[in-house]
Amino acid sequence: MADFSKIKQTKKSRFGEAPSPEDSDNNLAAPETAPARKPRNKTGRTVPFATKVTAEFDEEFRRIAFMGKMKKVELLEKALEAYKAAYDID
């Protein structure tokens, strides 16, 4: 038979003993609620737009948007307007 006397005894839990079922809340009977989310500002933009870029472009784009205190989509819209103005595109 195995000799278990040499096995190191585990420490007591730092949290103490688990509460008895009588002492714990009856939270299983309570309805589930999702955590409150911070409401986002509505922008009116509904079409998803995704593309792959280099890591350097992404870093610079995010930095410029952050420094300008604008959303990335706002920077993209401004860039499109600047491009259209530079090439006289309506």
C-alpha atoms as a PDB file:
ATOM      1  CA  MET A   1       0.000   0.000   0.000  1.00  0.00           C
ATOM      2  CA  ALA A   2       1.176   3.555  -0.668  1.00  0.00           C
ATOM      3  CA  ASP A   3       2.665   5.599   2.161  1.00  0.00           C
ATOM      4  CA  PHE A   4       1.017   9.039   2.105  1.00  0.00           C
ATOM      5  CA  SER A   5       2.659  10.286   5.288  1.00  0.00           C
ATOM      6  CA  LYS A   6       5.548  11.854   3.341  1.00  0.00           C
ATOM      7  CA  ILE A   7       3.287  13.996   1.139  1.00  0.00           C
ATOM      8  CA  LYS A   8       3.406  17.667   2.010  1.00  0.00           C
ATOM      9  CA  GLN A   9       0.223  18.884   3.647  1.00  0.00           C
ATOM     10  CA  THR A  10      -1.543  21.691   1.819  1.00  0.00           C
ATOM     11  CA  LYS A  11      -2.008  25.066   3.480  1.00  0.00           C
ATOM     12  CA  LYS A  12      -5.361  26.213   4.686  1.00  0.00           C
ATOM     13  CA  SER A  13      -7.180  28.448   2.254  1.00  0.00           C
ATOM     14  CA  ARG A  14      -6.507  32.125   2.862  1.00  0.00           C
ATOM     15  CA  PHE A  15     -10.228  32.695   2.365  1.00  0.00           C
ATOM     16  CA  GLY A  16     -11.233  30.452   5.258  1.00  0.00           C
ATOM     17  CA  GLU A  17     -13.936  27.861   5.201  1.00  0.00           C
ATOM     18  CA  ALA A  18     -16.678  27.989   2.590  1.00  0.00           C
ATOM     19  CA  PRO A  19     -20.000  29.305   3.885  1.00  0.00           C
ATOM     20  CA  SER A  20     -22.743  26.807   4.438  1.00  0.00           C
ATOM     21  CA  PRO A  21     -25.680  26.835   2.014  1.00  0.00           C
ATOM     22  CA  GLU A  22     -27.871  28.291   4.759  1.00  0.00           C
ATOM     23  CA  ASP A  23     -25.490  31.241   5.255  1.00  0.00           C
ATOM     24  CA  SER A  24     -25.075  32.112   1.594  1.00  0.00           C
ATOM     25  CA  ASP A  25     -27.390  34.361  -0.405  1.00  0.00           C
ATOM     26  CA  ASN A  26     -30.181  32.814  -2.364  1.00  0.00           C
ATOM     27  CA  ASN A  27     -28.728  34.252  -5.576  1.00  0.00           C
ATOM     28  CA  LEU A  28     -29.687  31.239  -7.672  1.00  0.00           C
ATOM     29  CA  ALA A  29     -33.331  32.220  -7.377  1.00  0.00           C
ATOM     30  CA  ALA A  30     -32.623  35.831  -8.403  1.00  0.00           C
ATOM     31  CA  PRO A  31     -33.072  36.797 -12.060  1.00  0.00           C
ATOM     32  CA  GLU A  32     -29.930  37.195 -14.127  1.00  0.00           C
ATOM     33  CA  THR A  33     -29.026  40.722 -15.106  1.00  0.00           C
ATOM     34  CA  ALA A  34     -26.368  41.792 -17.539  1.00  0.00           C
ATOM     35  CA  PRO A  35     -23.817  44.341 -16.369  1.00  0.00           C
ATOM     36  CA  ALA A  36     -24.658  47.904 -17.312  1.00  0.00           C
ATOM     37  CA  ARG A  37     -22.850  49.075 -20.417  1.00  0.00           C
ATOM     38  CA  LYS A  38     -21.649  52.568 -21.001  1.00  0.00           C
ATOM     39  CA  PRO A  39     -23.868  54.061 -23.719  1.00  0.00           C
ATOM     40  CA  ARG A  40     -22.040  54.961 -26.884  1.00  0.00           C
ATOM     41  CA  ASN A  41     -22.629  58.132 -28.797  1.00  0.00           C
ATOM     42  CA  LYS A  42     -24.789  57.525 -31.829  1.00  0.00           C
ATOM     43  CA  THR A  43     -22.946  58.407 -35.014  1.00  0.00           C
ATOM     44  CA  GLY A  44     -25.476  57.469 -37.670  1.00  0.00           C
ATOM     45  CA  ARG A  45     -22.922  55.170 -39.303  1.00  0.00           C
ATOM     46  CA  THR A  46     -24.377  51.760 -40.008  1.00  0.00           C
ATOM     47  CA  VAL A  47     -22.250  50.152 -42.737  1.00  0.00           C
ATOM     48  CA  PRO A  48     -19.252  48.143 -41.513  1.00  0.00           C
ATOM     49  CA  PHE A  49     -15.972  48.935 -43.280  1.00  0.00           C
ATOM     50  CA  ALA A  50     -12.907  46.763 -42.762  1.00  0.00           C
ATOM     51  CA  THR A  51      -9.569  46.493 -44.509  1.00  0.00           C
ATOM     52  CA  LYS A  52      -6.093  45.164 -43.835  1.00  0.00           C
ATOM     53  CA  VAL A  53      -3.217  47.600 -43.433  1.00  0.00           C
ATOM     54  CA  THR A  54       0.396  47.419 -42.336  1.00  0.00           C
ATOM     55  CA  ALA A  55       1.230  47.662 -38.655  1.00  0.00           C
ATOM     56  CA  GLU A  56       3.073  50.954 -39.289  1.00  0.00           C
ATOM     57  CA  PHE A  57       0.038  52.500 -41.008  1.00  0.00           C
ATOM     58  CA  ASP A  58      -2.256  51.361 -38.204  1.00  0.00           C
ATOM     59  CA  GLU A  59       0.035  52.778 -35.525  1.00  0.00           C
ATOM     60  CA  GLU A  60       0.345  56.154 -37.262  1.00  0.00           C
ATOM     61  CA  PHE A  61      -3.372  56.328 -38.085  1.00  0.00           C
ATOM     62  CA  ARG A  62      -4.350  55.623 -34.485  1.00  0.00           C
ATOM     63  CA  ARG A  63      -1.781  58.111 -33.182  1.00  0.00           C
ATOM     64  CA  ILE A  64      -3.071  60.891 -35.437  1.00  0.00           C
ATOM     65  CA  ALA A  65      -6.686  60.154 -34.498  1.00  0.00           C
ATOM     66  CA  PHE A  66      -5.767  60.152 -30.808  1.00  0.00           C
ATOM     67  CA  MET A  67      -3.835  63.402 -31.060  1.00  0.00           C
ATOM     68  CA  GLY A  68      -6.740  64.983 -32.927  1.00  0.00           C
ATOM     69  CA  LYS A  69      -9.189  63.697 -30.275  1.00  0.00           C
ATOM     70  CA  MET A  70     -11.354  62.083 -32.937  1.00  0.00           C
ATOM     71  CA  LYS A  71     -12.609  58.664 -33.791  1.00  0.00           C
ATOM     72  CA  LYS A  72     -10.773  56.701 -36.441  1.00  0.00           C
ATOM     73  CA  VAL A  73     -13.785  56.930 -38.710  1.00  0.00           C
ATOM     74  CA  GLU A  74     -13.755  60.728 -38.386  1.00  0.00           C
ATOM     75  CA  LEU A  75     -10.097  60.807 -39.454  1.00  0.00           C
ATOM     76  CA  LEU A  76     -10.922  58.544 -42.384  1.00  0.00           C
ATOM     77  CA  GLU A  77     -13.775  60.841 -43.432  1.00  0.00           C
ATOM     78  CA  LYS A  78     -11.507  63.897 -43.211  1.00  0.00           C
ATOM     79  CA  ALA A  79      -8.843  62.118 -45.254  1.00  0.00           C
ATOM     80  CA  LEU A  80     -11.410  61.298 -47.941  1.00  0.00           C
ATOM     81  CA  GLU A  81     -12.597  64.921 -48.034  1.00  0.00           C
ATOM     82  CA  ALA A  82      -8.974  66.146 -48.320  1.00  0.00           C
ATOM     83  CA  TYR A  83      -8.314  63.684 -51.138  1.00  0.00           C
ATOM     84  CA  LYS A  84     -11.441  64.776 -53.001  1.00  0.00           C
ATOM     85  CA  ALA A  85     -10.482  68.451 -52.586  1.00  0.00           C
ATOM     86  CA  ALA A  86      -6.903  67.847 -53.738  1.00  0.00           C
ATOM     87  CA  TYR A  87      -8.007  66.080 -56.928  1.00  0.00           C
ATOM     88  CA  ASP A  88     -11.141  68.161 -57.510  1.00  0.00           C
ATOM     89  CA  ILE A  89     -13.462  65.177 -57.198  1.00  0.00           C
ATOM     90  CA  ASP A  90     -17.090  65.854 -56.450  1.00  0.00           C
END
